[in-house]
Amino acid sequence: MKRKNKTGLALGIVIGSVVGILTDNLALWLSLGIAIGIGTTLVKKQQNGNPNNDQ
């Protein structure tokens, strides 16, 4: 996987961690942040026309 494909996941982890710490529910928001990050990465891949290409 290219480095640019990991940015969605990284942002999801950061945002989920921050919201989780602020709301005192880190486990919930960290997992939601990871799921949202992976989802945005997949949507971006599909919009670029290469849904299954990890090069």
PDB file of N, CA and C in Angstrom:
ATOM      1  N   MET A   1       0.843  -1.170   0.000  1.00  0.00           N
ATOM      2  CA  MET A   1       0.000   0.000   0.000  1.00  0.00           C
ATOM      3  C   MET A   1       0.887   1.231   0.000  1.00  0.00           C
ATOM      4  N   LYS A   2       0.522   2.183  -0.815  1.00  0.00           N
ATOM      5  CA  LYS A   2       1.296   3.410  -0.871  1.00  0.00           C
ATOM      6  C   LYS A   2       1.080   4.253   0.378  1.00  0.00           C
ATOM      7  N   ARG A   3       1.991   5.153   0.588  1.00  0.00           N
ATOM      8  CA  ARG A   3       1.899   6.013   1.759  1.00  0.00           C
ATOM      9  C   ARG A   3       0.664   6.892   1.727  1.00  0.00           C
ATOM     10  N   LYS A   4       0.300   7.399   0.529  1.00  0.00           N
ATOM     11  CA  LYS A   4      -0.850   8.295   0.448  1.00  0.00           C
ATOM     12  C   LYS A   4      -2.156   7.580   0.772  1.00  0.00           C
ATOM     13  N   ASN A   5      -2.184   6.244   0.662  1.00  0.00           N
ATOM     14  CA  ASN A   5      -3.390   5.495   0.981  1.00  0.00           C
ATOM     15  C   ASN A   5      -3.581   5.320   2.482  1.00  0.00           C
ATOM     16  N   LYS A   6      -2.585   5.635   3.270  1.00  0.00           N
ATOM     17  CA  LYS A   6      -2.666   5.481   4.716  1.00  0.00           C
ATOM     18  C   LYS A   6      -3.091   6.763   5.425  1.00  0.00           C
ATOM     19  N   THR A   7      -3.210   7.856   4.707  1.00  0.00           N
ATOM     20  CA  THR A   7      -3.525   9.119   5.364  1.00  0.00           C
ATOM     21  C   THR A   7      -4.927   9.125   5.952  1.00  0.00           C
ATOM     22  N   GLY A   8      -5.875   8.492   5.288  1.00  0.00           N
ATOM     23  CA  GLY A   8      -7.238   8.431   5.828  1.00  0.00           C
ATOM     24  C   GLY A   8      -7.281   7.680   7.139  1.00  0.00           C
ATOM     25  N   LEU A   9      -6.566   6.584   7.198  1.00  0.00           N
ATOM     26  CA  LEU A   9      -6.504   5.802   8.429  1.00  0.00           C
ATOM     27  C   LEU A   9      -5.827   6.589   9.543  1.00  0.00           C
ATOM     28  N   ALA A  10      -4.738   7.261   9.218  1.00  0.00           N
ATOM     29  CA  ALA A  10      -4.016   8.043  10.228  1.00  0.00           C
ATOM     30  C   ALA A  10      -4.884   9.175  10.779  1.00  0.00           C
ATOM     31  N   LEU A  11      -5.585   9.868   9.894  1.00  0.00           N
ATOM     32  CA  LEU A  11      -6.473  10.943  10.348  1.00  0.00           C
ATOM     33  C   LEU A  11      -7.622  10.390  11.192  1.00  0.00           C
ATOM     34  N   GLY A  12      -8.141   9.247  10.814  1.00  0.00           N
ATOM     35  CA  GLY A  12      -9.205   8.627  11.598  1.00  0.00           C
ATOM     36  C   GLY A  12      -8.752   8.271  13.002  1.00  0.00           C
ATOM     37  N   ILE A  13      -7.530   7.746  13.109  1.00  0.00           N
ATOM     38  CA  ILE A  13      -6.997   7.396  14.428  1.00  0.00           C
ATOM     39  C   ILE A  13      -6.793   8.646  15.271  1.00  0.00           C
ATOM     40  N   VAL A  14      -6.243   9.690  14.674  1.00  0.00           N
ATOM     41  CA  VAL A  14      -5.992  10.929  15.431  1.00  0.00           C
ATOM     42  C   VAL A  14      -7.306  11.557  15.886  1.00  0.00           C
ATOM     43  N   ILE A  15      -8.251  11.696  14.974  1.00  0.00           N
ATOM     44  CA  ILE A  15      -9.534  12.326  15.330  1.00  0.00           C
ATOM     45  C   ILE A  15     -10.286  11.472  16.350  1.00  0.00           C
ATOM     46  N   GLY A  16     -10.283  10.149  16.135  1.00  0.00           N
ATOM     47  CA  GLY A  16     -10.941   9.263  17.098  1.00  0.00           C
ATOM     48  C   GLY A  16     -10.311   9.330  18.472  1.00  0.00           C
ATOM     49  N   SER A  17      -9.000   9.432  18.526  1.00  0.00           N
ATOM     50  CA  SER A  17      -8.312   9.526  19.822  1.00  0.00           C
ATOM     51  C   SER A  17      -8.652  10.828  20.538  1.00  0.00           C
ATOM     52  N   VAL A  18      -8.635  11.913  19.796  1.00  0.00           N
ATOM     53  CA  VAL A  18      -8.933  13.216  20.405  1.00  0.00           C
ATOM     54  C   VAL A  18     -10.359  13.248  20.942  1.00  0.00           C
ATOM     55  N   VAL A  19     -11.314  12.835  20.130  1.00  0.00           N
ATOM     56  CA  VAL A  19     -12.713  12.837  20.575  1.00  0.00           C
ATOM     57  C   VAL A  19     -12.891  11.857  21.731  1.00  0.00           C
ATOM     58  N   GLY A  20     -12.234  10.706  21.664  1.00  0.00           N
ATOM     59  CA  GLY A  20     -12.331   9.733  22.742  1.00  0.00           C
ATOM     60  C   GLY A  20     -11.793  10.243  24.059  1.00  0.00           C
ATOM     61  N   ILE A  21     -10.696  10.965  24.008  1.00  0.00           N
ATOM     62  CA  ILE A  21     -10.136  11.533  25.238  1.00  0.00           C
ATOM     63  C   ILE A  21     -11.053  12.625  25.790  1.00  0.00           C
ATOM     64  N   LEU A  22     -11.586  13.453  24.893  1.00  0.00           N
ATOM     65  CA  LEU A  22     -12.466  14.535  25.344  1.00  0.00           C
ATOM     66  C   LEU A  22     -13.778  14.021  25.936  1.00  0.00           C
ATOM     67  N   THR A  23     -14.305  12.936  25.389  1.00  0.00           N
ATOM     68  CA  THR A  23     -15.575  12.404  25.882  1.00  0.00           C
ATOM     69  C   THR A  23     -15.389  11.304  26.923  1.00  0.00           C
ATOM     70  N   ASP A  24     -14.141  10.960  27.218  1.00  0.00           N
ATOM     71  CA  ASP A  24     -13.815   9.929  28.203  1.00  0.00           C
ATOM     72  C   ASP A  24     -14.314   8.544  27.778  1.00  0.00           C
ATOM     73  N   ASN A  25     -14.340   8.301  26.467  1.00  0.00           N
ATOM     74  CA  ASN A  25     -14.752   7.007  25.942  1.00  0.00           C
ATOM     75  C   ASN A  25     -13.825   6.651  24.775  1.00  0.00           C
ATOM     76  N   LEU A  26     -12.575   6.398  25.110  1.00  0.00           N
ATOM     77  CA  LEU A  26     -11.533   6.205  24.102  1.00  0.00           C
ATOM     78  C   LEU A  26     -11.769   4.972  23.243  1.00  0.00           C
ATOM     79  N   ALA A  27     -12.210   3.882  23.825  1.00  0.00           N
ATOM     80  CA  ALA A  27     -12.381   2.641  23.070  1.00  0.00           C
ATOM     81  C   ALA A  27     -13.405   2.807  21.950  1.00  0.00           C
ATOM     82  N   LEU A  28     -14.507   3.439  22.231  1.00  0.00           N
ATOM     83  CA  LEU A  28     -15.550   3.646  21.222  1.00  0.00           C
ATOM     84  C   LEU A  28     -15.067   4.544  20.104  1.00  0.00           C
ATOM     85  N   TRP A  29     -14.510   5.693  20.443  1.00  0.00           N
ATOM     86  CA  TRP A  29     -14.148   6.666  19.423  1.00  0.00           C
ATOM     87  C   TRP A  29     -12.910   6.278  18.638  1.00  0.00           C
ATOM     88  N   LEU A  30     -11.997   5.552  19.253  1.00  0.00           N
ATOM     89  CA  LEU A  30     -10.831   5.082  18.510  1.00  0.00           C
ATOM     90  C   LEU A  30     -11.251   4.074  17.445  1.00  0.00           C
ATOM     91  N   SER A  31     -12.136   3.150  17.813  1.00  0.00           N
ATOM     92  CA  SER A  31     -12.606   2.170  16.826  1.00  0.00           C
ATOM     93  C   SER A  31     -13.441   2.839  15.740  1.00  0.00           C
ATOM     94  N   LEU A  32     -14.240   3.816  16.085  1.00  0.00           N
ATOM     95  CA  LEU A  32     -15.007   4.546  15.071  1.00  0.00           C
ATOM     96  C   LEU A  32     -14.086   5.347  14.157  1.00  0.00           C
ATOM     97  N   GLY A  33     -13.051   5.928  14.718  1.00  0.00           N
ATOM     98  CA  GLY A  33     -12.093   6.671  13.910  1.00  0.00           C
ATOM     99  C   GLY A  33     -11.372   5.778  12.912  1.00  0.00           C
ATOM    100  N   ILE A  34     -11.014   4.579  13.337  1.00  0.00           N
ATOM    101  CA  ILE A  34     -10.358   3.628  12.431  1.00  0.00           C
ATOM    102  C   ILE A  34     -11.326   3.227  11.318  1.00  0.00           C
ATOM    103  N   ALA A  35     -12.559   2.938  11.671  1.00  0.00           N
ATOM    104  CA  ALA A  35     -13.546   2.538  10.661  1.00  0.00           C
ATOM    105  C   ALA A  35     -13.802   3.660   9.662  1.00  0.00           C
ATOM    106  N   ILE A  36     -13.920   4.877  10.130  1.00  0.00           N
ATOM    107  CA  ILE A  36     -14.142   6.016   9.241  1.00  0.00           C
ATOM    108  C   ILE A  36     -12.929   6.252   8.366  1.00  0.00           C
ATOM    109  N   GLY A  37     -11.737   6.113   8.917  1.00  0.00           N
ATOM    110  CA  GLY A  37     -10.511   6.281   8.141  1.00  0.00           C
ATOM    111  C   GLY A  37     -10.384   5.258   7.027  1.00  0.00           C
ATOM    112  N   ILE A  38     -10.685   4.005   7.324  1.00  0.00           N
ATOM    113  CA  ILE A  38     -10.634   2.969   6.296  1.00  0.00           C
ATOM    114  C   ILE A  38     -11.705   3.216   5.245  1.00  0.00           C
ATOM    115  N   GLY A  39     -12.884   3.635   5.686  1.00  0.00           N
ATOM    116  CA  GLY A  39     -13.964   3.925   4.740  1.00  0.00           C
ATOM    117  C   GLY A  39     -13.625   5.061   3.794  1.00  0.00           C
ATOM    118  N   THR A  40     -13.032   6.112   4.297  1.00  0.00           N
ATOM    119  CA  THR A  40     -12.675   7.225   3.419  1.00  0.00           C
ATOM    120  C   THR A  40     -11.575   6.828   2.440  1.00  0.00           C
ATOM    121  N   THR A  41     -10.651   5.977   2.885  1.00  0.00           N
ATOM    122  CA  THR A  41      -9.603   5.498   1.988  1.00  0.00           C
ATOM    123  C   THR A  41     -10.202   4.672   0.854  1.00  0.00           C
ATOM    124  N   LEU A  42     -11.156   3.809   1.172  1.00  0.00           N
ATOM    125  CA  LEU A  42     -11.788   2.993   0.143  1.00  0.00           C
ATOM    126  C   LEU A  42     -12.600   3.837  -0.839  1.00  0.00           C
ATOM    127  N   VAL A  43     -13.288   4.847  -0.337  1.00  0.00           N
ATOM    128  CA  VAL A  43     -14.064   5.723  -1.215  1.00  0.00           C
ATOM    129  C   VAL A  43     -13.145   6.492  -2.155  1.00  0.00           C
ATOM    130  N   LYS A  44     -12.031   6.977  -1.646  1.00  0.00           N
ATOM    131  CA  LYS A  44     -11.074   7.693  -2.488  1.00  0.00           C
ATOM    132  C   LYS A  44     -10.496   6.783  -3.567  1.00  0.00           C
ATOM    133  N   LYS A  45     -10.220   5.517  -3.220  1.00  0.00           N
ATOM    134  CA  LYS A  45      -9.704   4.572  -4.202  1.00  0.00           C
ATOM    135  C   LYS A  45     -10.726   4.343  -5.310  1.00  0.00           C
ATOM    136  N   GLN A  46     -11.988   4.183  -4.948  1.00  0.00           N
ATOM    137  CA  GLN A  46     -13.018   3.937  -5.940  1.00  0.00           C
ATOM    138  C   GLN A  46     -13.239   5.152  -6.831  1.00  0.00           C
ATOM    139  N   GLN A  47     -13.121   6.333  -6.291  1.00  0.00           N
ATOM    140  CA  GLN A  47     -13.283   7.542  -7.091  1.00  0.00           C
ATOM    141  C   GLN A  47     -12.135   7.710  -8.076  1.00  0.00           C
ATOM    142  N   ASN A  48     -10.967   7.191  -7.745  1.00  0.00           N
ATOM    143  CA  ASN A  48      -9.815   7.272  -8.643  1.00  0.00           C
ATOM    144  C   ASN A  48      -9.833   6.193  -9.706  1.00  0.00           C
ATOM    145  N   GLY A  49     -10.749   5.256  -9.615  1.00  0.00           N
ATOM    146  CA  GLY A  49     -10.882   4.235 -10.633  1.00  0.00           C
ATOM    147  C   GLY A  49     -10.049   2.994 -10.425  1.00  0.00           C
ATOM    148  N   ASN A  50      -9.477   2.801  -9.249  1.00  0.00           N
ATOM    149  CA  ASN A  50      -8.697   1.596  -8.978  1.00  0.00           C
ATOM    150  C   ASN A  50      -9.128   0.995  -7.631  1.00  0.00           C
ATOM    151  N   PRO A  51     -10.278   0.336  -7.575  1.00  0.00           N
ATOM    152  CA  PRO A  51     -10.813  -0.136  -6.296  1.00  0.00           C
ATOM    153  C   PRO A  51     -10.008  -1.235  -5.638  1.00  0.00           C
ATOM    154  N   ASN A  52      -9.319  -2.080  -6.379  1.00  0.00           N
ATOM    155  CA  ASN A  52      -8.590  -3.196  -5.777  1.00  0.00           C
ATOM    156  C   ASN A  52      -7.102  -3.132  -6.007  1.00  0.00           C
ATOM    157  N   ASN A  53      -6.578  -1.989  -6.373  1.00  0.00           N
ATOM    158  CA  ASN A  53      -5.166  -1.864  -6.700  1.00  0.00           C
ATOM    159  C   ASN A  53      -4.425  -1.237  -5.535  1.00  0.00           C
ATOM    160  N   ASP A  54      -3.540  -2.015  -4.898  1.00  0.00           N
ATOM    161  CA  ASP A  54      -2.788  -1.518  -3.748  1.00  0.00           C
ATOM    162  C   ASP A  54      -1.374  -1.113  -4.100  1.00  0.00           C
ATOM    163  N   GLN A  55      -1.091  -0.822  -5.319  1.00  0.00           N
ATOM    164  CA  GLN A  55       0.271  -0.499  -5.744  1.00  0.00           C
ATOM    165  C   GLN A  55       0.676   0.867  -5.286  1.00  0.00           C
TER     166      GLN A  55
END
